[in-house]
Amino acid sequence: MITENPTDRKSLSVLLIGNNPIELGSVYERLRESRVMNYISDIAFDLKDVLKKVRKINPQCIVIDDNLSKQELAEIMQLLKSNSRTKHIPITIIQNSNKDDAPRDGADEFILKDTITSESIAKTLLNSLKIHDMKEYLKKSYDKRKSQLLNFK
């Protein structure tokens, strides 16, 4: 059952992942400007740094810039979704365009770079939390009632 409404939070820890300090710095500044809630954020630039920062800030959301190579992006997504410390954390991908060439498996939400404002990033992160919570709720409900559903005639 969903026990916490994401909009009731006063602060949110966010890990930003990418390879472009200028673009990530811009997203970081949009988070700092937000009046929706207080963001505690940090930036990781590579796979090793991701694990170190996850341990450091224990993020509630992860934002990944799609400027990473497809291989790097896929490796980071696979690492995050297979690691017991991170598999429960919602992931938002910042995209250059609506093209479907970026790996999407495991992402809960997407936002276009040219639409990022402090308000839009805040709404996107809250949506990713809600979507992720709903997925978890549905999975637990299904697992709980799977035998009933399979035996339904």
N, C-alpha and C. Protein backbone atom coordinates (compact mmCIF):
# COMPACT_ATOMS: atom_id res chain seq x y z
N MET A 1 0.83 -1.19 0.00
CA MET A 1 0.00 0.00 0.00
C MET A 1 0.87 1.25 0.00
N ILE A 2 0.45 2.25 -0.70
CA ILE A 2 1.18 3.50 -0.75
C ILE A 2 0.94 4.22 0.57
N THR A 3 2.04 4.48 1.28
CA THR A 3 1.90 5.03 2.63
C THR A 3 2.22 6.51 2.70
N GLU A 4 2.91 7.02 1.70
CA GLU A 4 3.33 8.42 1.76
C GLU A 4 2.98 9.10 0.44
N ASN A 5 2.38 10.25 0.54
CA ASN A 5 2.10 11.04 -0.63
C ASN A 5 3.36 11.84 -0.96
N PRO A 6 3.93 11.66 -2.18
CA PRO A 6 5.17 12.37 -2.50
C PRO A 6 5.06 13.88 -2.36
N THR A 7 3.90 14.45 -2.54
CA THR A 7 3.75 15.90 -2.42
C THR A 7 3.79 16.37 -0.98
N ASP A 8 3.71 15.45 -0.01
CA ASP A 8 3.77 15.81 1.40
C ASP A 8 5.21 15.97 1.90
N ARG A 9 6.17 15.60 1.10
CA ARG A 9 7.57 15.68 1.52
C ARG A 9 8.03 17.13 1.59
N LYS A 10 8.91 17.40 2.53
CA LYS A 10 9.47 18.74 2.66
C LYS A 10 10.80 18.85 1.91
N SER A 11 11.51 17.73 1.79
CA SER A 11 12.76 17.74 1.04
C SER A 11 12.90 16.43 0.28
N LEU A 12 13.74 16.46 -0.73
CA LEU A 12 13.93 15.31 -1.60
C LEU A 12 15.40 15.25 -2.00
N SER A 13 16.03 14.10 -1.80
CA SER A 13 17.42 13.95 -2.22
C SER A 13 17.45 13.40 -3.64
N VAL A 14 18.24 14.05 -4.49
CA VAL A 14 18.28 13.75 -5.91
C VAL A 14 19.72 13.58 -6.34
N LEU A 15 20.01 12.49 -7.06
CA LEU A 15 21.32 12.28 -7.65
C LEU A 15 21.21 12.55 -9.14
N LEU A 16 22.03 13.50 -9.63
CA LEU A 16 22.09 13.84 -11.04
C LEU A 16 23.27 13.09 -11.66
N ILE A 17 23.02 12.40 -12.78
CA ILE A 17 24.07 11.61 -13.42
C ILE A 17 24.21 12.05 -14.87
N GLY A 18 25.44 12.29 -15.29
CA GLY A 18 25.69 12.67 -16.67
C GLY A 18 27.15 12.95 -16.89
N ASN A 19 27.49 13.40 -18.10
CA ASN A 19 28.89 13.68 -18.41
C ASN A 19 29.14 15.13 -18.81
N ASN A 20 28.12 15.97 -18.70
CA ASN A 20 28.26 17.36 -19.09
C ASN A 20 28.02 18.25 -17.87
N PRO A 21 29.10 18.75 -17.26
CA PRO A 21 28.95 19.56 -16.04
C PRO A 21 28.09 20.80 -16.22
N ILE A 22 28.13 21.39 -17.41
CA ILE A 22 27.35 22.62 -17.64
C ILE A 22 25.85 22.31 -17.63
N GLU A 23 25.44 21.26 -18.35
CA GLU A 23 24.02 20.90 -18.38
C GLU A 23 23.54 20.41 -17.02
N LEU A 24 24.35 19.59 -16.34
CA LEU A 24 23.95 19.12 -15.02
C LEU A 24 23.91 20.27 -14.02
N GLY A 25 24.83 21.21 -14.17
CA GLY A 25 24.82 22.40 -13.32
C GLY A 25 23.55 23.22 -13.51
N SER A 26 23.09 23.28 -14.75
CA SER A 26 21.84 23.99 -15.05
C SER A 26 20.65 23.31 -14.38
N VAL A 27 20.60 21.99 -14.44
CA VAL A 27 19.51 21.24 -13.78
C VAL A 27 19.61 21.44 -12.26
N TYR A 28 20.83 21.37 -11.75
CA TYR A 28 21.07 21.59 -10.32
C TYR A 28 20.52 22.96 -9.89
N GLU A 29 20.80 23.98 -10.69
CA GLU A 29 20.30 25.33 -10.38
C GLU A 29 18.77 25.39 -10.43
N ARG A 30 18.15 24.71 -11.40
CA ARG A 30 16.68 24.68 -11.47
C ARG A 30 16.11 24.03 -10.21
N LEU A 31 16.76 22.99 -9.71
CA LEU A 31 16.30 22.36 -8.47
C LEU A 31 16.42 23.34 -7.30
N ARG A 32 17.52 24.05 -7.23
CA ARG A 32 17.72 25.02 -6.14
C ARG A 32 16.71 26.15 -6.19
N GLU A 33 16.26 26.51 -7.40
CA GLU A 33 15.29 27.60 -7.55
C GLU A 33 13.87 27.17 -7.20
N SER A 34 13.63 25.89 -7.14
CA SER A 34 12.27 25.39 -6.93
C SER A 34 11.71 25.83 -5.59
N ARG A 35 10.46 26.21 -5.63
CA ARG A 35 9.76 26.59 -4.40
C ARG A 35 8.82 25.48 -3.94
N VAL A 36 8.77 24.40 -4.73
CA VAL A 36 7.89 23.28 -4.41
C VAL A 36 8.39 22.55 -3.17
N MET A 37 9.71 22.33 -3.12
CA MET A 37 10.30 21.69 -1.95
C MET A 37 11.80 21.93 -1.95
N ASN A 38 12.44 21.53 -0.88
CA ASN A 38 13.88 21.67 -0.75
C ASN A 38 14.55 20.43 -1.36
N TYR A 39 15.52 20.64 -2.24
CA TYR A 39 16.22 19.52 -2.87
C TYR A 39 17.64 19.42 -2.34
N ILE A 40 18.00 18.22 -1.95
CA ILE A 40 19.37 17.91 -1.56
C ILE A 40 19.91 17.12 -2.75
N SER A 41 20.87 17.69 -3.46
CA SER A 41 21.31 17.02 -4.67
C SER A 41 22.82 16.96 -4.77
N ASP A 42 23.26 16.00 -5.57
CA ASP A 42 24.67 15.82 -5.85
C ASP A 42 24.78 15.34 -7.29
N ILE A 43 25.99 15.41 -7.84
CA ILE A 43 26.21 15.07 -9.24
C ILE A 43 27.24 13.95 -9.33
N ALA A 44 26.97 12.96 -10.20
CA ALA A 44 27.91 11.88 -10.49
C ALA A 44 28.21 11.90 -11.98
N PHE A 45 29.49 11.67 -12.33
CA PHE A 45 29.90 11.75 -13.73
C PHE A 45 30.26 10.41 -14.36
N ASP A 46 30.40 9.36 -13.55
CA ASP A 46 30.72 8.05 -14.11
C ASP A 46 30.17 6.95 -13.20
N LEU A 47 30.30 5.70 -13.66
CA LEU A 47 29.72 4.56 -12.95
C LEU A 47 30.26 4.43 -11.52
N LYS A 48 31.55 4.60 -11.34
CA LYS A 48 32.18 4.50 -10.01
C LYS A 48 31.64 5.60 -9.10
N ASP A 49 31.51 6.79 -9.66
CA ASP A 49 31.02 7.94 -8.91
C ASP A 49 29.55 7.74 -8.50
N VAL A 50 28.77 7.07 -9.35
CA VAL A 50 27.36 6.82 -9.05
C VAL A 50 27.23 6.05 -7.75
N LEU A 51 27.97 4.95 -7.62
CA LEU A 51 27.87 4.13 -6.40
C LEU A 51 28.33 4.90 -5.17
N LYS A 52 29.39 5.69 -5.31
CA LYS A 52 29.90 6.48 -4.19
C LYS A 52 28.86 7.51 -3.74
N LYS A 53 28.23 8.19 -4.69
CA LYS A 53 27.25 9.22 -4.36
C LYS A 53 25.96 8.61 -3.81
N VAL A 54 25.59 7.43 -4.29
CA VAL A 54 24.39 6.75 -3.76
C VAL A 54 24.59 6.47 -2.27
N ARG A 55 25.78 6.00 -1.91
CA ARG A 55 26.06 5.74 -0.49
C ARG A 55 26.08 7.03 0.31
N LYS A 56 26.56 8.11 -0.31
CA LYS A 56 26.71 9.38 0.38
C LYS A 56 25.37 10.06 0.66
N ILE A 57 24.51 10.19 -0.37
CA ILE A 57 23.28 10.98 -0.17
C ILE A 57 22.01 10.15 -0.08
N ASN A 58 22.11 8.84 -0.35
CA ASN A 58 20.93 7.97 -0.30
C ASN A 58 19.75 8.63 -1.04
N PRO A 59 19.86 8.78 -2.36
CA PRO A 59 18.86 9.54 -3.11
C PRO A 59 17.48 8.91 -3.12
N GLN A 60 16.47 9.77 -3.16
CA GLN A 60 15.09 9.32 -3.30
C GLN A 60 14.67 9.34 -4.75
N CYS A 61 15.41 10.07 -5.59
CA CYS A 61 15.19 10.13 -7.04
C CYS A 61 16.55 10.20 -7.72
N ILE A 62 16.60 9.67 -8.94
CA ILE A 62 17.80 9.76 -9.75
C ILE A 62 17.41 10.38 -11.08
N VAL A 63 18.22 11.34 -11.53
CA VAL A 63 18.00 12.00 -12.81
C VAL A 63 19.23 11.73 -13.67
N ILE A 64 19.00 11.16 -14.88
CA ILE A 64 20.10 10.82 -15.77
C ILE A 64 19.99 11.62 -17.06
N ASP A 65 21.10 12.25 -17.44
CA ASP A 65 21.17 13.00 -18.70
C ASP A 65 21.45 12.00 -19.83
N ASP A 66 20.68 12.08 -20.90
CA ASP A 66 20.87 11.12 -21.99
C ASP A 66 22.04 11.46 -22.91
N ASN A 67 22.87 12.45 -22.53
CA ASN A 67 24.08 12.73 -23.31
C ASN A 67 25.12 11.64 -23.15
N LEU A 68 24.95 10.77 -22.19
CA LEU A 68 25.85 9.64 -22.04
C LEU A 68 25.74 8.77 -23.29
N SER A 69 26.78 8.00 -23.57
CA SER A 69 26.67 7.07 -24.69
C SER A 69 25.59 6.05 -24.37
N LYS A 70 25.04 5.43 -25.41
CA LYS A 70 24.00 4.43 -25.19
C LYS A 70 24.51 3.32 -24.28
N GLN A 71 25.76 2.93 -24.47
CA GLN A 71 26.34 1.87 -23.65
C GLN A 71 26.45 2.31 -22.19
N GLU A 72 26.95 3.52 -21.94
CA GLU A 72 27.07 4.02 -20.57
C GLU A 72 25.70 4.13 -19.91
N LEU A 73 24.73 4.65 -20.66
CA LEU A 73 23.38 4.80 -20.13
C LEU A 73 22.79 3.43 -19.79
N ALA A 74 22.97 2.47 -20.68
CA ALA A 74 22.46 1.11 -20.43
C ALA A 74 23.16 0.49 -19.22
N GLU A 75 24.47 0.69 -19.08
CA GLU A 75 25.22 0.14 -17.94
C GLU A 75 24.74 0.75 -16.63
N ILE A 76 24.53 2.06 -16.63
CA ILE A 76 24.07 2.73 -15.41
C ILE A 76 22.67 2.27 -15.05
N MET A 77 21.78 2.18 -16.04
CA MET A 77 20.41 1.71 -15.78
C MET A 77 20.43 0.29 -15.23
N GLN A 78 21.26 -0.58 -15.83
CA GLN A 78 21.34 -1.98 -15.39
C GLN A 78 21.88 -2.04 -13.96
N LEU A 79 22.92 -1.25 -13.67
CA LEU A 79 23.49 -1.22 -12.33
C LEU A 79 22.45 -0.76 -11.31
N LEU A 80 21.75 0.32 -11.63
CA LEU A 80 20.78 0.88 -10.69
C LEU A 80 19.61 -0.08 -10.44
N LYS A 81 19.14 -0.75 -11.48
CA LYS A 81 17.98 -1.63 -11.34
C LYS A 81 18.34 -3.00 -10.78
N SER A 82 19.63 -3.37 -10.78
CA SER A 82 20.01 -4.67 -10.23
C SER A 82 20.60 -4.58 -8.83
N ASN A 83 20.93 -3.38 -8.39
CA ASN A 83 21.53 -3.19 -7.08
C ASN A 83 20.44 -3.07 -6.02
N SER A 84 20.55 -3.82 -4.94
CA SER A 84 19.52 -3.81 -3.90
C SER A 84 19.37 -2.44 -3.23
N ARG A 85 20.41 -1.63 -3.23
CA ARG A 85 20.34 -0.28 -2.62
C ARG A 85 19.64 0.73 -3.52
N THR A 86 19.58 0.44 -4.84
CA THR A 86 19.07 1.45 -5.77
C THR A 86 17.87 1.01 -6.60
N LYS A 87 17.53 -0.26 -6.60
CA LYS A 87 16.48 -0.72 -7.51
C LYS A 87 15.11 -0.13 -7.21
N HIS A 88 14.92 0.36 -6.01
CA HIS A 88 13.63 0.95 -5.63
C HIS A 88 13.54 2.45 -5.93
N ILE A 89 14.64 3.05 -6.40
CA ILE A 89 14.68 4.50 -6.60
C ILE A 89 14.14 4.86 -7.99
N PRO A 90 13.17 5.76 -8.06
CA PRO A 90 12.65 6.17 -9.38
C PRO A 90 13.71 6.92 -10.19
N ILE A 91 13.69 6.66 -11.49
CA ILE A 91 14.66 7.26 -12.41
C ILE A 91 13.94 8.13 -13.43
N THR A 92 14.45 9.35 -13.59
CA THR A 92 13.97 10.27 -14.62
C THR A 92 15.11 10.49 -15.60
N ILE A 93 14.80 10.43 -16.89
CA ILE A 93 15.81 10.67 -17.91
C ILE A 93 15.55 12.03 -18.55
N ILE A 94 16.61 12.82 -18.64
CA ILE A 94 16.55 14.10 -19.33
C ILE A 94 16.94 13.83 -20.78
N GLN A 95 16.04 14.12 -21.70
CA GLN A 95 16.25 13.81 -23.10
C GLN A 95 16.48 15.07 -23.93
N ASN A 96 17.29 14.91 -24.99
CA ASN A 96 17.49 16.00 -25.95
C ASN A 96 16.28 16.14 -26.86
N SER A 97 15.64 15.02 -27.16
CA SER A 97 14.49 15.06 -28.07
C SER A 97 13.55 13.91 -27.73
N ASN A 98 12.43 13.85 -28.43
CA ASN A 98 11.45 12.79 -28.23
C ASN A 98 11.81 11.51 -28.98
N LYS A 99 12.95 11.48 -29.65
CA LYS A 99 13.33 10.28 -30.39
C LYS A 99 13.44 9.10 -29.44
N ASP A 100 13.11 7.93 -29.94
CA ASP A 100 13.12 6.72 -29.12
C ASP A 100 14.43 5.95 -29.19
N ASP A 101 15.56 6.60 -29.36
CA ASP A 101 16.80 5.86 -29.49
C ASP A 101 17.54 5.66 -28.17
N ALA A 102 17.08 6.27 -27.10
CA ALA A 102 17.73 6.10 -25.79
C ALA A 102 17.11 4.91 -25.06
N PRO A 103 17.94 4.16 -24.30
CA PRO A 103 17.38 3.06 -23.51
C PRO A 103 16.35 3.59 -22.51
N ARG A 104 15.21 2.96 -22.47
CA ARG A 104 14.13 3.43 -21.61
C ARG A 104 13.78 2.42 -20.51
N ASP A 105 14.34 1.23 -20.60
CA ASP A 105 14.01 0.21 -19.61
C ASP A 105 14.39 0.68 -18.22
N GLY A 106 13.43 0.71 -17.34
CA GLY A 106 13.68 1.08 -15.96
C GLY A 106 13.41 2.54 -15.63
N ALA A 107 13.24 3.38 -16.63
CA ALA A 107 12.97 4.79 -16.36
C ALA A 107 11.50 4.96 -16.00
N ASP A 108 11.25 5.81 -15.02
CA ASP A 108 9.89 6.07 -14.58
C ASP A 108 9.29 7.31 -15.22
N GLU A 109 10.15 8.24 -15.65
CA GLU A 109 9.66 9.49 -16.20
C GLU A 109 10.73 10.08 -17.11
N PHE A 110 10.31 10.98 -17.99
CA PHE A 110 11.20 11.64 -18.94
C PHE A 110 10.87 13.12 -18.97
N ILE A 111 11.89 13.93 -19.26
CA ILE A 111 11.69 15.36 -19.43
C ILE A 111 12.62 15.83 -20.54
N LEU A 112 12.13 16.71 -21.40
CA LEU A 112 12.95 17.28 -22.47
C LEU A 112 13.80 18.42 -21.94
N LYS A 113 15.06 18.46 -22.37
CA LYS A 113 15.98 19.49 -21.88
C LYS A 113 15.48 20.90 -22.15
N ASP A 114 14.89 21.09 -23.31
CA ASP A 114 14.47 22.46 -23.65
C ASP A 114 13.21 22.91 -22.91
N THR A 115 12.62 22.03 -22.10
CA THR A 115 11.44 22.41 -21.32
C THR A 115 11.72 22.49 -19.83
N ILE A 116 12.97 22.34 -19.44
CA ILE A 116 13.29 22.31 -18.01
C ILE A 116 13.22 23.71 -17.39
N THR A 117 12.33 23.81 -16.43
CA THR A 117 12.24 24.99 -15.56
C THR A 117 12.24 24.44 -14.13
N SER A 118 12.34 25.30 -13.16
CA SER A 118 12.30 24.82 -11.78
C SER A 118 10.98 24.12 -11.49
N GLU A 119 9.89 24.66 -12.05
CA GLU A 119 8.57 24.06 -11.83
C GLU A 119 8.43 22.73 -12.56
N SER A 120 8.90 22.66 -13.81
CA SER A 120 8.73 21.42 -14.58
C SER A 120 9.57 20.27 -14.02
N ILE A 121 10.78 20.57 -13.56
CA ILE A 121 11.61 19.50 -12.99
C ILE A 121 11.01 19.02 -11.67
N ALA A 122 10.46 19.93 -10.89
CA ALA A 122 9.81 19.55 -9.63
C ALA A 122 8.61 18.65 -9.90
N LYS A 123 7.77 19.04 -10.85
CA LYS A 123 6.60 18.22 -11.19
C LYS A 123 7.01 16.87 -11.74
N THR A 124 8.05 16.85 -12.58
CA THR A 124 8.51 15.60 -13.16
C THR A 124 9.03 14.64 -12.08
N LEU A 125 9.79 15.16 -11.13
CA LEU A 125 10.31 14.30 -10.06
C LEU A 125 9.18 13.79 -9.17
N LEU A 126 8.20 14.63 -8.87
CA LEU A 126 7.06 14.17 -8.08
C LEU A 126 6.26 13.12 -8.86
N ASN A 127 6.11 13.33 -10.16
CA ASN A 127 5.43 12.32 -10.99
C ASN A 127 6.19 11.01 -11.00
N SER A 128 7.51 11.08 -11.09
CA SER A 128 8.29 9.84 -11.10
C SER A 128 8.12 9.08 -9.80
N LEU A 129 8.04 9.81 -8.69
CA LEU A 129 7.80 9.15 -7.40
C LEU A 129 6.42 8.50 -7.36
N LYS A 130 5.42 9.22 -7.86
CA LYS A 130 4.06 8.66 -7.88
C LYS A 130 3.96 7.45 -8.79
N ILE A 131 4.55 7.55 -9.98
CA ILE A 131 4.53 6.42 -10.92
C ILE A 131 5.24 5.22 -10.32
N HIS A 132 6.39 5.46 -9.74
CA HIS A 132 7.16 4.37 -9.13
C HIS A 132 6.38 3.73 -7.97
N ASP A 133 5.79 4.56 -7.13
CA ASP A 133 5.00 4.03 -6.01
C ASP A 133 3.82 3.20 -6.51
N MET A 134 3.17 3.67 -7.58
CA MET A 134 2.03 2.94 -8.13
C MET A 134 2.48 1.59 -8.71
N LYS A 135 3.61 1.57 -9.40
CA LYS A 135 4.14 0.31 -9.94
C LYS A 135 4.40 -0.68 -8.80
N GLU A 136 5.00 -0.19 -7.73
CA GLU A 136 5.29 -1.05 -6.58
C GLU A 136 3.99 -1.58 -5.96
N TYR A 137 3.02 -0.71 -5.81
CA TYR A 137 1.73 -1.10 -5.25
C TYR A 137 1.06 -2.17 -6.11
N LEU A 138 1.05 -1.96 -7.43
CA LEU A 138 0.43 -2.93 -8.33
C LEU A 138 1.17 -4.26 -8.31
N LYS A 139 2.49 -4.22 -8.26
CA LYS A 139 3.27 -5.46 -8.21
C LYS A 139 2.97 -6.23 -6.93
N LYS A 140 2.96 -5.53 -5.81
CA LYS A 140 2.67 -6.20 -4.54
C LYS A 140 1.24 -6.74 -4.52
N SER A 141 0.29 -5.98 -5.04
CA SER A 141 -1.10 -6.44 -5.09
C SER A 141 -1.24 -7.66 -5.98
N TYR A 142 -0.57 -7.63 -7.12
CA TYR A 142 -0.63 -8.78 -8.03
C TYR A 142 0.00 -10.01 -7.38
N ASP A 143 1.19 -9.84 -6.79
CA ASP A 143 1.85 -10.97 -6.14
C ASP A 143 0.99 -11.56 -5.03
N LYS A 144 0.31 -10.69 -4.31
CA LYS A 144 -0.54 -11.12 -3.20
C LYS A 144 -1.75 -11.92 -3.70
N ARG A 145 -2.27 -11.54 -4.84
CA ARG A 145 -3.50 -12.15 -5.35
C ARG A 145 -3.28 -13.01 -6.60
N LYS A 146 -2.05 -13.30 -6.93
CA LYS A 146 -1.74 -14.03 -8.15
C LYS A 146 -2.45 -15.38 -8.21
N SER A 147 -2.40 -16.12 -7.14
CA SER A 147 -3.03 -17.45 -7.15
C SER A 147 -4.54 -17.34 -7.35
N GLN A 148 -5.15 -16.32 -6.75
CA GLN A 148 -6.59 -16.12 -6.96
C GLN A 148 -6.89 -15.80 -8.42
N LEU A 149 -6.06 -14.98 -9.02
CA LEU A 149 -6.28 -14.62 -10.42
C LEU A 149 -6.06 -15.80 -11.35
N LEU A 150 -5.06 -16.60 -11.07
CA LEU A 150 -4.76 -17.75 -11.93
C LEU A 150 -5.82 -18.84 -11.80
N ASN A 151 -6.47 -18.92 -10.66
CA ASN A 151 -7.51 -19.94 -10.44
C ASN A 151 -8.90 -19.42 -10.73
N PHE A 152 -9.02 -18.20 -11.18
CA PHE A 152 -10.32 -17.60 -11.48
C PHE A 152 -10.93 -18.26 -12.71
N LYS A 153 -12.16 -18.68 -12.58
CA LYS A 153 -12.83 -19.35 -13.72
C LYS A 153 -14.07 -18.63 -14.11
